[in-house]
Amino acid sequence: QVRLVESGGGLVQPGGSLKLSCTSSGSISSMNTMGWYRQAPGQERELVAAITASGRSDYADSVKGRFTISRDNARNMVYLQMSSLIPEDTAVYYCNANRYFPVVHVWGQGTLVTVSS
């Protein structure tokens, strides 16, 4: 079972940029989808961005054009480049690994992103 560790969160001013990293303890090349989710206080966890094994990416409407997800199978890492950040992006961001068979559905512990002046 892989373990995921997120890093790169912190405090950033509105309009700023931040890059999150997700490090896997095992190979991610067999994972069908790697994703970034976020959960703001009092709200449900939501999908931010996901990338398939073939490299196809998908984004929540709220982050399209501002966030970019990428994966490096050789280094077992997934990234989320965030730019033009707004206060509404404030949340704990979680990395997720998903495979259909054998089933794998793993979460990291999360990293806090705070967008505030």
Protein backbone atom coordinates (compact mmCIF):
# COMPACT_ATOMS: atom_id res chain seq x y z
CA GLN A 1 0.00 0.00 0.00
CA VAL A 2 1.43 3.37 -0.97
CA ARG A 3 1.63 6.27 1.43
CA LEU A 4 1.23 9.82 0.22
CA VAL A 5 2.82 12.88 1.78
CA GLU A 6 1.88 16.39 0.72
CA SER A 7 4.12 19.42 1.08
CA GLY A 8 4.37 23.00 -0.09
CA GLY A 9 1.42 24.55 1.69
CA GLY A 10 1.62 27.83 3.52
CA LEU A 11 0.45 31.42 3.69
CA VAL A 12 0.32 33.37 0.45
CA GLN A 13 -1.13 36.74 -0.49
CA PRO A 14 -4.00 37.04 -2.95
CA GLY A 15 -2.68 36.94 -6.48
CA GLY A 16 0.30 34.88 -5.43
CA SER A 17 1.46 31.43 -6.43
CA LEU A 18 2.22 28.20 -4.64
CA LYS A 19 3.31 24.75 -5.75
CA LEU A 20 2.17 21.69 -3.86
CA SER A 21 3.99 18.39 -4.05
CA CYS A 22 2.78 14.89 -3.32
CA THR A 23 5.39 12.22 -2.69
CA SER A 24 4.42 8.57 -2.90
CA SER A 25 6.23 5.84 -1.01
CA GLY A 26 5.57 3.48 -3.89
CA SER A 27 5.13 3.49 -7.61
CA ILE A 28 2.34 5.65 -9.00
CA SER A 29 2.72 4.45 -12.57
CA SER A 30 -0.01 1.85 -12.04
CA MET A 31 -2.44 4.35 -10.53
CA ASN A 32 -5.32 5.13 -12.87
CA THR A 33 -5.76 8.58 -11.43
CA MET A 34 -3.82 10.89 -9.18
CA GLY A 35 -5.76 13.79 -7.80
CA TRP A 36 -5.73 16.85 -5.60
CA TYR A 37 -8.73 17.57 -3.41
CA ARG A 38 -9.37 20.34 -0.93
CA GLN A 39 -11.54 20.88 2.09
CA ALA A 40 -12.33 24.29 3.50
CA PRO A 41 -13.62 24.72 7.06
CA GLY A 42 -17.23 23.66 7.31
CA GLN A 43 -17.33 22.42 3.75
CA GLU A 44 -17.14 19.04 2.06
CA ARG A 45 -14.01 17.77 0.40
CA GLU A 46 -14.02 18.61 -3.30
CA LEU A 47 -12.00 17.60 -6.31
CA VAL A 48 -9.60 20.28 -7.48
CA ALA A 49 -7.70 18.51 -10.24
CA ALA A 50 -6.97 15.00 -11.43
CA ILE A 51 -4.61 13.44 -13.92
CA THR A 52 -4.88 10.02 -15.49
CA ALA A 53 -2.12 7.53 -16.21
CA SER A 54 -2.12 8.71 -19.82
CA GLY A 55 -1.66 12.30 -18.73
CA ARG A 56 -5.17 13.60 -19.32
CA SER A 57 -6.06 16.23 -16.76
CA ASP A 58 -9.33 17.61 -15.49
CA TYR A 59 -10.06 20.59 -13.28
CA ALA A 60 -12.81 22.03 -11.16
CA ASP A 61 -14.38 25.03 -12.86
CA SER A 62 -13.26 27.25 -10.00
CA VAL A 63 -9.57 26.63 -10.70
CA LYS A 64 -9.46 26.25 -14.48
CA GLY A 65 -6.82 28.47 -15.99
CA ARG A 66 -5.17 29.06 -12.61
CA PHE A 67 -4.06 25.60 -11.44
CA THR A 68 -2.01 22.97 -13.24
CA ILE A 69 -1.63 19.35 -12.19
CA SER A 70 1.28 17.21 -13.31
CA ARG A 71 2.72 13.83 -12.46
CA ASP A 72 6.23 12.42 -12.60
CA ASN A 73 5.96 8.65 -12.60
CA ALA A 74 9.73 8.21 -12.52
CA ARG A 75 9.97 10.14 -9.25
CA ASN A 76 6.59 8.98 -7.92
CA MET A 77 5.44 12.53 -7.44
CA VAL A 78 2.42 14.64 -8.30
CA TYR A 79 2.36 18.42 -8.34
CA LEU A 80 -0.22 21.16 -8.21
CA GLN A 81 0.94 24.52 -9.47
CA MET A 82 -1.42 27.20 -8.20
CA SER A 83 -1.40 30.77 -9.42
CA SER A 84 -3.63 33.83 -9.13
CA LEU A 85 -4.69 32.55 -5.74
CA ILE A 86 -7.79 34.01 -4.11
CA PRO A 87 -9.00 33.79 -0.51
CA GLU A 88 -11.58 31.20 -1.57
CA ASP A 89 -8.71 28.82 -2.35
CA THR A 90 -7.95 28.61 1.37
CA ALA A 91 -8.29 24.97 2.42
CA VAL A 92 -6.47 21.83 3.38
CA TYR A 93 -5.27 20.21 0.17
CA TYR A 94 -5.12 16.43 -0.05
CA CYS A 95 -3.39 14.17 -2.53
CA ASN A 96 -5.21 11.04 -3.65
CA ALA A 97 -4.15 7.90 -5.49
CA ASN A 98 -6.78 5.78 -7.15
CA ARG A 99 -6.55 2.46 -8.96
CA TYR A 100 -9.43 0.35 -10.18
CA PHE A 101 -7.84 -3.13 -9.90
CA PRO A 102 -6.42 -4.17 -7.57
CA VAL A 103 -8.29 -1.47 -5.75
CA VAL A 104 -6.23 1.33 -4.28
CA HIS A 105 -7.74 4.46 -2.77
CA VAL A 106 -5.23 6.31 -0.63
CA TRP A 107 -5.18 9.78 0.89
CA GLY A 108 -2.34 11.87 2.18
CA GLN A 109 -2.54 13.75 5.46
CA GLY A 110 -3.11 17.11 3.78
CA THR A 111 -1.31 20.42 3.61
CA LEU A 112 -2.86 23.75 4.58
CA VAL A 113 -3.00 26.58 2.07
CA THR A 114 -4.04 29.98 3.38
CA VAL A 115 -4.62 32.87 0.99
CA SER A 116 -4.77 36.11 2.92
CA SER A 117 -3.33 39.59 2.98
